[in-house]
Amino acid sequence: MPRRVTVIGSGVIGLSIAHELAAAGHTVTVRGDAADRVSLLAAAVWFPFEAFPADRVEAWSIAALRRFTELAAEPGTGVRIAPGRILVRDPDTFDDAWRAWVPGIRPMDAAELPAGVAAGLRVELPVIEMPVYLAWLEGRCRRLGVRIEPGLVPGVDAALADADVAVIAAGLASGGLLGGDPELAPIRGQVVRLANPGIDEWTLDEQHADGLAYVIPRSGDVVCGGTATASGDTAVDPATETAILERARGLVPALADAPIVSRAVGLRPGRTEVRLEVVRRAGSSGASGTVSTGAGAAASGVDAAWGSDPAGAAQGISGVDAPGAVIACYGHGGAGVTTSWGCAEEVAALTASIAPV
């Protein structure tokens, strides 16, 4: 049955969800400010980076890999399949579970490896130029009938005023909309963009002794990063920028004389685990709302009473009185792009499973 759905958040997660819901026949409104899209700052190469739980991230990432591979064949999407290298300094601690999902991986020869690197992989993966991609995705959503309105709603009540379902996909703002989430915290990412001297191969070095390092060439620049620190500071730090450039130029000497084009800091929505679940299936604060008991329950559609306290089931979400269902989808850390389509598909399935109010 078609539903009226309000998606709170217009970054890559929110727009992907809106796309899947509209494609399934639902009436969808997105609320969020384009200027606040931290997704715009992503480099972005498809790669599962520090997101949990592993089994669900795997499923979401595989789904997104399939979709991005398809989109790379479409003009104007900002997605391309690009060659790259993943450097491995400590094979014993390197997480390579993703290798089972990706074809055409080749071990690097010793002569190809930078100094101090024990091993490496050559692989072709989707690279997503986020300003182009988000503009394309927003346009695709509008063509499917999605209304995109500026500004986050002040709360879940407002989102449900004209909707049967509210989807909370607002990154770091999501916790506050749901009455607080102590597991949600900002993960600071700083990047510097250089003029592209003509390189087309990306490089990822998660195990660099001096910190995370990546070099992602795009059509007009090269994104160099990065950081993944627990901090809410959005100011560009000159010392961090110097360290980023030293790592990037050490890995890619062709960048030695490339001038700086721009610099930026963004706050990723970090969480112990991505939260994707039905927070409340139906009813108001005076009705018997239910929640899933965790990632596994959400995935299977099995619900339990609100915690272990029957009285808690009647409370619903703190401060929310409007009837309607609520789905949470946030806390993707540095894997928002990589998991986006898989998460969107799951939200669409959860929406279809919710009985009418």
Protein backbone atom coordinates (compact mmCIF):
# COMPACT_ATOMS: atom_id res chain seq x y z
CA MET A 1 0.00 0.00 0.00
CA PRO A 2 1.41 3.44 -0.91
CA ARG A 3 2.34 5.60 2.07
CA ARG A 4 3.02 9.26 2.61
CA VAL A 5 6.62 9.44 3.78
CA THR A 6 8.71 12.33 5.06
CA VAL A 7 12.46 11.75 4.87
CA ILE A 8 14.41 14.02 7.21
CA GLY A 9 17.85 14.59 5.71
CA SER A 10 18.91 15.37 2.15
CA GLY A 11 22.42 13.92 2.05
CA VAL A 12 23.36 10.78 0.17
CA ILE A 13 21.44 8.54 2.60
CA GLY A 14 18.26 10.63 2.62
CA LEU A 15 18.14 11.11 -1.15
CA SER A 16 18.87 7.43 -1.83
CA ILE A 17 16.02 6.47 0.51
CA ALA A 18 13.69 8.97 -1.15
CA HIS A 19 14.56 7.54 -4.56
CA GLU A 20 13.76 3.96 -3.53
CA LEU A 21 10.53 4.94 -1.77
CA ALA A 22 9.29 6.98 -4.72
CA ALA A 23 10.24 4.20 -7.14
CA ALA A 24 8.10 1.87 -5.02
CA GLY A 25 5.08 4.15 -5.44
CA HIS A 26 5.10 6.08 -2.17
CA THR A 27 4.48 9.82 -1.91
CA VAL A 28 7.73 11.25 -0.62
CA THR A 29 8.83 14.59 0.81
CA VAL A 30 12.46 15.28 1.73
CA ARG A 31 13.33 17.93 4.28
CA GLY A 32 16.90 19.15 4.60
CA ASP A 33 19.34 21.89 3.66
CA ALA A 34 21.66 21.24 0.73
CA ALA A 35 24.20 23.57 2.33
CA ASP A 36 24.50 21.18 5.30
CA ARG A 37 25.24 18.08 3.23
CA VAL A 38 28.43 16.63 4.67
CA SER A 39 28.12 14.08 1.84
CA LEU A 40 29.38 16.78 -0.52
CA LEU A 41 32.80 16.59 1.13
CA ALA A 42 33.23 12.85 0.60
CA ALA A 43 36.09 11.87 -1.71
CA ALA A 44 34.37 9.30 -2.55
CA VAL A 45 35.43 5.81 -3.52
CA TRP A 46 33.25 2.79 -2.80
CA PHE A 47 34.99 1.06 0.11
CA PRO A 48 33.57 -0.28 3.40
CA PHE A 49 35.34 1.89 5.98
CA GLU A 50 34.86 1.45 9.73
CA ALA A 51 31.14 0.73 9.77
CA PHE A 52 29.33 -1.95 11.76
CA PRO A 53 27.69 -4.45 12.18
CA ALA A 54 29.85 -6.24 9.64
CA ASP A 55 27.19 -8.59 8.28
CA ARG A 56 24.68 -5.85 7.54
CA VAL A 57 27.33 -3.48 6.19
CA GLU A 58 28.41 -6.27 3.85
CA ALA A 59 24.89 -6.69 2.48
CA TRP A 60 24.35 -2.95 2.08
CA SER A 61 27.75 -2.45 0.46
CA ILE A 62 27.24 -5.25 -2.06
CA ALA A 63 23.90 -3.73 -3.06
CA ALA A 64 25.49 -0.29 -3.46
CA LEU A 65 28.40 -1.70 -5.46
CA ARG A 66 25.92 -3.19 -7.90
CA ARG A 67 24.01 0.07 -8.22
CA PHE A 68 27.09 2.26 -8.64
CA THR A 69 28.45 -0.10 -11.26
CA GLU A 70 25.21 0.32 -13.19
CA LEU A 71 25.25 4.11 -12.75
CA ALA A 72 28.81 4.33 -14.08
CA ALA A 73 27.40 3.40 -17.48
CA GLU A 74 24.98 6.34 -17.42
CA PRO A 75 26.20 9.80 -18.51
CA GLY A 76 25.94 12.67 -16.07
CA THR A 77 25.80 10.65 -12.85
CA GLY A 78 29.26 11.59 -11.60
CA VAL A 79 30.05 7.89 -11.14
CA ARG A 80 32.89 6.12 -12.92
CA ILE A 81 34.75 2.85 -12.50
CA ALA A 82 38.36 3.88 -11.88
CA PRO A 83 41.63 2.00 -11.37
CA GLY A 84 43.27 2.25 -7.99
CA ARG A 85 45.60 0.69 -5.50
CA ILE A 86 45.01 -0.32 -1.90
CA LEU A 87 48.22 -0.45 0.12
CA VAL A 88 48.76 -3.01 2.87
CA ARG A 89 51.42 -2.42 5.52
CA ASP A 90 50.32 -5.12 7.97
CA PRO A 91 48.64 -8.08 6.26
CA ASP A 92 47.72 -9.64 9.62
CA THR A 93 45.43 -6.75 10.60
CA PHE A 94 44.23 -5.72 7.14
CA ASP A 95 40.47 -6.29 6.75
CA ASP A 96 39.97 -7.72 3.28
CA ALA A 97 36.51 -9.28 3.61
CA TRP A 98 35.33 -7.02 0.78
CA ARG A 99 37.61 -8.85 -1.68
CA ALA A 100 35.01 -11.60 -2.02
CA TRP A 101 32.57 -9.13 -3.57
CA VAL A 102 34.86 -7.45 -6.10
CA PRO A 103 36.09 -9.02 -9.35
CA GLY A 104 39.42 -8.44 -11.06
CA ILE A 105 41.65 -7.83 -8.04
CA ARG A 106 45.38 -8.21 -8.73
CA PRO A 107 48.22 -8.29 -6.18
CA MET A 108 50.79 -5.54 -6.76
CA ASP A 109 54.31 -6.51 -7.76
CA ALA A 110 57.14 -5.58 -5.41
CA ALA A 111 58.42 -3.02 -7.93
CA GLU A 112 55.06 -1.22 -7.80
CA LEU A 113 55.01 -0.75 -4.03
CA PRO A 114 56.02 2.49 -2.29
CA ALA A 115 58.76 2.27 0.32
CA GLY A 116 57.62 0.69 3.57
CA VAL A 117 54.60 -1.02 2.07
CA ALA A 118 54.48 -4.80 2.42
CA ALA A 119 51.82 -5.55 -0.16
CA GLY A 120 49.11 -3.98 -2.23
CA LEU A 121 46.13 -4.65 -4.44
CA ARG A 122 45.19 -3.21 -7.79
CA VAL A 123 41.46 -3.00 -8.30
CA GLU A 124 38.82 -1.04 -10.18
CA LEU A 125 36.08 0.41 -7.99
CA PRO A 126 33.35 3.04 -8.33
CA VAL A 127 34.54 6.59 -7.68
CA ILE A 128 31.72 9.02 -7.05
CA GLU A 129 32.20 12.75 -7.64
CA MET A 130 29.80 13.89 -4.96
CA PRO A 131 28.75 17.38 -6.13
CA VAL A 132 27.86 15.94 -9.55
CA TYR A 133 26.32 12.78 -8.12
CA LEU A 134 24.13 14.49 -5.52
CA ALA A 135 22.84 16.95 -8.13
CA TRP A 136 22.03 14.02 -10.40
CA LEU A 137 20.37 12.06 -7.58
CA GLU A 138 18.28 15.03 -6.51
CA GLY A 139 17.16 15.52 -10.10
CA ARG A 140 16.27 11.83 -10.40
CA CYS A 141 14.23 12.06 -7.20
CA ARG A 142 12.33 15.08 -8.46
CA ARG A 143 11.53 13.28 -11.71
CA LEU A 144 10.06 10.46 -9.63
CA GLY A 145 7.79 13.00 -7.94
CA VAL A 146 9.74 13.58 -4.72
CA ARG A 147 9.20 16.99 -3.13
CA ILE A 148 12.43 18.42 -1.72
CA GLU A 149 11.93 21.24 0.74
CA PRO A 150 14.64 23.28 2.49
CA GLY A 151 15.21 23.08 6.22
CA LEU A 152 15.09 20.23 8.68
CA VAL A 153 11.78 19.80 10.48
CA PRO A 154 11.94 20.73 14.18
CA GLY A 155 10.95 17.24 15.29
CA VAL A 156 9.28 13.97 14.46
CA ASP A 157 5.81 15.37 15.22
CA ALA A 158 6.25 17.92 12.44
CA ALA A 159 7.48 15.24 10.06
CA LEU A 160 4.38 13.15 10.73
CA ALA A 161 1.95 16.06 10.42
CA ASP A 162 1.29 15.18 6.77
CA ALA A 163 2.83 11.71 6.60
CA ASP A 164 2.23 8.13 7.65
CA VAL A 165 5.93 7.37 8.03
CA ALA A 166 8.92 9.50 9.03
CA VAL A 167 12.43 8.37 8.12
CA ILE A 168 15.19 9.93 10.21
CA ALA A 169 18.28 10.13 7.99
CA ALA A 170 19.78 13.41 9.15
CA GLY A 171 23.27 12.29 10.12
CA LEU A 172 24.43 13.87 13.37
CA ALA A 173 21.09 15.66 13.80
CA SER A 174 19.24 12.34 13.94
CA GLY A 175 19.87 11.62 17.60
CA GLY A 176 18.31 14.86 18.75
CA LEU A 177 15.23 14.27 16.61
CA LEU A 178 14.71 10.94 18.37
CA GLY A 179 15.18 12.25 21.89
CA GLY A 180 18.92 11.62 22.13
CA ASP A 181 21.38 8.90 21.17
CA PRO A 182 24.49 8.55 23.36
CA GLU A 183 26.10 6.23 20.79
CA LEU A 184 26.12 8.93 18.08
CA ALA A 185 29.16 11.21 17.91
CA PRO A 186 30.98 13.35 15.32
CA ILE A 187 33.97 11.89 13.48
CA ARG A 188 36.06 14.72 12.08
CA GLY A 189 37.29 14.46 8.52
CA GLN A 190 39.67 17.00 6.97
CA VAL A 191 40.63 17.09 3.30
CA VAL A 192 42.65 19.29 0.98
CA ARG A 193 41.96 19.49 -2.74
CA LEU A 194 44.79 19.93 -5.22
CA ALA A 195 44.77 20.78 -8.91
CA ASN A 196 44.95 17.52 -10.84
CA PRO A 197 48.31 17.25 -12.67
CA GLY A 198 46.94 14.44 -14.81
CA ILE A 199 46.64 11.41 -12.55
CA ASP A 200 43.66 9.08 -12.86
CA GLU A 201 44.55 6.33 -10.37
CA TRP A 202 43.30 6.56 -6.79
CA THR A 203 45.29 5.38 -3.75
CA LEU A 204 44.09 4.21 -0.33
CA ASP A 205 46.47 3.61 2.58
CA GLU A 206 44.49 2.89 5.74
CA GLN A 207 47.54 1.60 7.61
CA HIS A 208 49.93 4.50 7.03
CA ALA A 209 52.09 4.99 10.11
CA ASP A 210 51.19 8.68 10.27
CA GLY A 211 47.44 8.22 9.82
CA LEU A 212 44.78 7.51 7.23
CA ALA A 213 45.88 8.50 3.72
CA TYR A 214 43.98 8.61 0.46
CA VAL A 215 44.35 10.31 -2.90
CA ILE A 216 41.23 10.40 -5.07
CA PRO A 217 41.46 12.13 -8.48
CA ARG A 218 38.30 13.71 -9.85
CA SER A 219 37.47 15.58 -13.04
CA GLY A 220 38.81 18.92 -11.82
CA ASP A 221 40.90 18.19 -8.75
CA VAL A 222 42.43 15.57 -6.47
CA VAL A 223 40.98 15.01 -2.99
CA CYS A 224 43.68 14.25 -0.43
CA GLY A 225 42.91 13.05 3.06
CA GLY A 226 42.36 12.44 5.65
CA THR A 227 41.41 12.15 9.27
CA ALA A 228 38.92 10.11 11.27
CA THR A 229 39.12 11.53 14.78
CA ALA A 230 36.47 11.87 17.47
CA SER A 231 35.97 15.63 17.38
CA GLY A 232 33.32 18.19 16.55
CA ASP A 233 35.80 20.88 15.49
CA THR A 234 34.98 22.14 11.98
CA ALA A 235 37.93 24.53 11.66
CA VAL A 236 40.66 23.66 9.17
CA ASP A 237 43.83 22.79 11.09
CA PRO A 238 47.01 23.90 9.25
CA ALA A 239 49.20 21.27 10.92
CA THR A 240 46.78 18.52 9.93
CA GLU A 241 46.73 19.84 6.37
CA THR A 242 50.52 19.76 6.22
CA ALA A 243 50.53 16.15 7.44
CA ILE A 244 47.86 15.16 4.90
CA LEU A 245 49.88 16.67 2.07
CA GLU A 246 53.09 14.99 3.22
CA ARG A 247 51.38 11.59 3.20
CA ALA A 248 49.64 12.19 -0.13
CA ARG A 249 52.75 13.47 -1.91
CA GLY A 250 54.81 10.64 -0.46
CA LEU A 251 52.39 8.13 -1.98
CA VAL A 252 51.89 10.03 -5.25
CA PRO A 253 55.02 12.06 -6.13
CA ALA A 254 53.23 13.58 -9.13
CA LEU A 255 51.38 15.79 -6.63
CA ALA A 256 54.58 17.45 -5.40
CA ASP A 257 53.98 20.74 -7.20
CA ALA A 258 50.19 20.62 -7.49
CA PRO A 259 48.68 23.82 -6.05
CA ILE A 260 45.97 23.79 -3.41
CA VAL A 261 42.51 24.46 -4.83
CA SER A 262 40.46 24.30 -1.63
CA ARG A 263 40.26 22.74 1.81
CA ALA A 264 37.40 21.52 3.98
CA VAL A 265 36.37 19.82 7.21
CA GLY A 266 33.25 17.70 7.65
CA LEU A 267 31.74 15.80 10.55
CA ARG A 268 30.77 12.22 9.82
CA PRO A 269 27.95 10.68 11.89
CA GLY A 270 29.89 8.09 13.85
CA ARG A 271 28.14 5.37 15.83
CA THR A 272 29.04 2.03 17.37
CA GLU A 273 26.69 0.48 14.81
CA VAL A 274 24.64 1.93 11.98
CA ARG A 275 21.11 2.38 13.25
CA LEU A 276 18.64 1.12 10.67
CA GLU A 277 15.44 -0.07 12.29
CA VAL A 278 11.79 0.63 12.85
CA VAL A 279 11.74 2.82 15.94
CA ARG A 280 7.94 2.84 16.12
CA ARG A 281 5.53 0.93 13.94
CA ALA A 282 2.32 2.92 14.49
CA GLY A 283 0.19 4.73 16.99
CA SER A 284 0.84 7.80 19.12
CA SER A 285 2.52 8.30 22.46
CA GLY A 286 -0.61 6.90 24.04
CA ALA A 287 -0.70 3.82 21.82
CA SER A 288 1.27 0.63 22.00
CA GLY A 289 4.20 1.50 19.81
CA THR A 290 6.91 -1.10 19.27
CA VAL A 291 10.54 -1.05 18.36
CA SER A 292 12.93 -3.59 16.99
CA THR A 293 15.37 -4.94 19.51
CA GLY A 294 18.45 -4.37 17.41
CA ALA A 295 20.05 -4.80 14.02
CA GLY A 296 18.99 -8.42 13.61
CA ALA A 297 15.43 -7.72 14.64
CA ALA A 298 15.15 -4.79 12.29
CA ALA A 299 16.46 -6.82 9.40
CA SER A 300 13.99 -9.62 9.99
CA GLY A 301 11.03 -7.38 10.78
CA VAL A 302 10.57 -8.93 14.24
CA ASP A 303 9.42 -6.50 16.92
CA ALA A 304 9.42 -6.59 20.69
CA ALA A 305 7.93 -4.33 23.34
CA TRP A 306 9.75 -1.10 24.06
CA GLY A 307 12.64 -2.44 26.13
CA SER A 308 11.52 -4.79 28.88
CA ASP A 309 9.05 -2.40 30.45
CA PRO A 310 5.45 -2.64 29.18
CA ALA A 311 4.90 0.94 30.33
CA GLY A 312 7.73 2.01 28.06
CA ALA A 313 5.84 0.70 25.06
CA ALA A 314 3.14 3.27 25.70
CA GLN A 315 5.60 6.13 25.88
CA GLY A 316 6.68 6.01 22.25
CA ILE A 317 9.47 8.39 21.30
CA SER A 318 10.11 11.09 23.85
CA GLY A 319 8.08 14.18 23.00
CA VAL A 320 6.34 12.67 19.99
CA ASP A 321 2.53 12.71 20.01
CA ALA A 322 1.62 12.41 16.32
CA PRO A 323 0.48 9.02 15.05
CA GLY A 324 2.58 7.29 12.44
CA ALA A 325 5.60 5.06 12.05
CA VAL A 326 9.22 6.10 12.48
CA ILE A 327 12.27 4.52 10.85
CA ALA A 328 15.85 5.42 11.80
CA CYS A 329 18.71 5.27 9.30
CA TYR A 330 21.87 7.01 10.49
CA GLY A 331 25.30 6.55 12.01
CA HIS A 332 27.12 5.41 8.87
CA GLY A 333 30.43 7.03 9.78
CA GLY A 334 32.73 7.04 6.76
CA ALA A 335 30.68 4.47 4.84
CA GLY A 336 27.60 6.51 3.96
CA VAL A 337 28.18 6.49 0.22
CA THR A 338 29.37 2.88 0.24
CA THR A 339 26.25 1.61 2.00
CA SER A 340 23.74 4.13 0.65
CA TRP A 341 21.79 2.08 -1.87
CA GLY A 342 21.69 -1.01 0.31
CA CYS A 343 20.34 0.98 3.24
CA ALA A 344 17.80 2.66 0.99
CA GLU A 345 16.55 -0.69 -0.26
CA GLU A 346 16.13 -1.92 3.32
CA VAL A 347 14.24 1.21 4.38
CA ALA A 348 11.89 0.72 1.43
CA ALA A 349 11.30 -2.89 2.50
CA LEU A 350 10.64 -1.84 6.10
CA THR A 351 8.20 0.82 4.94
CA ALA A 352 6.28 -1.77 2.95
CA SER A 353 6.09 -4.00 6.04
CA ILE A 354 4.42 -1.37 8.22
CA ALA A 355 0.67 -1.76 8.63
CA PRO A 356 -1.45 1.36 7.95
CA VAL A 357 -2.14 3.59 10.94
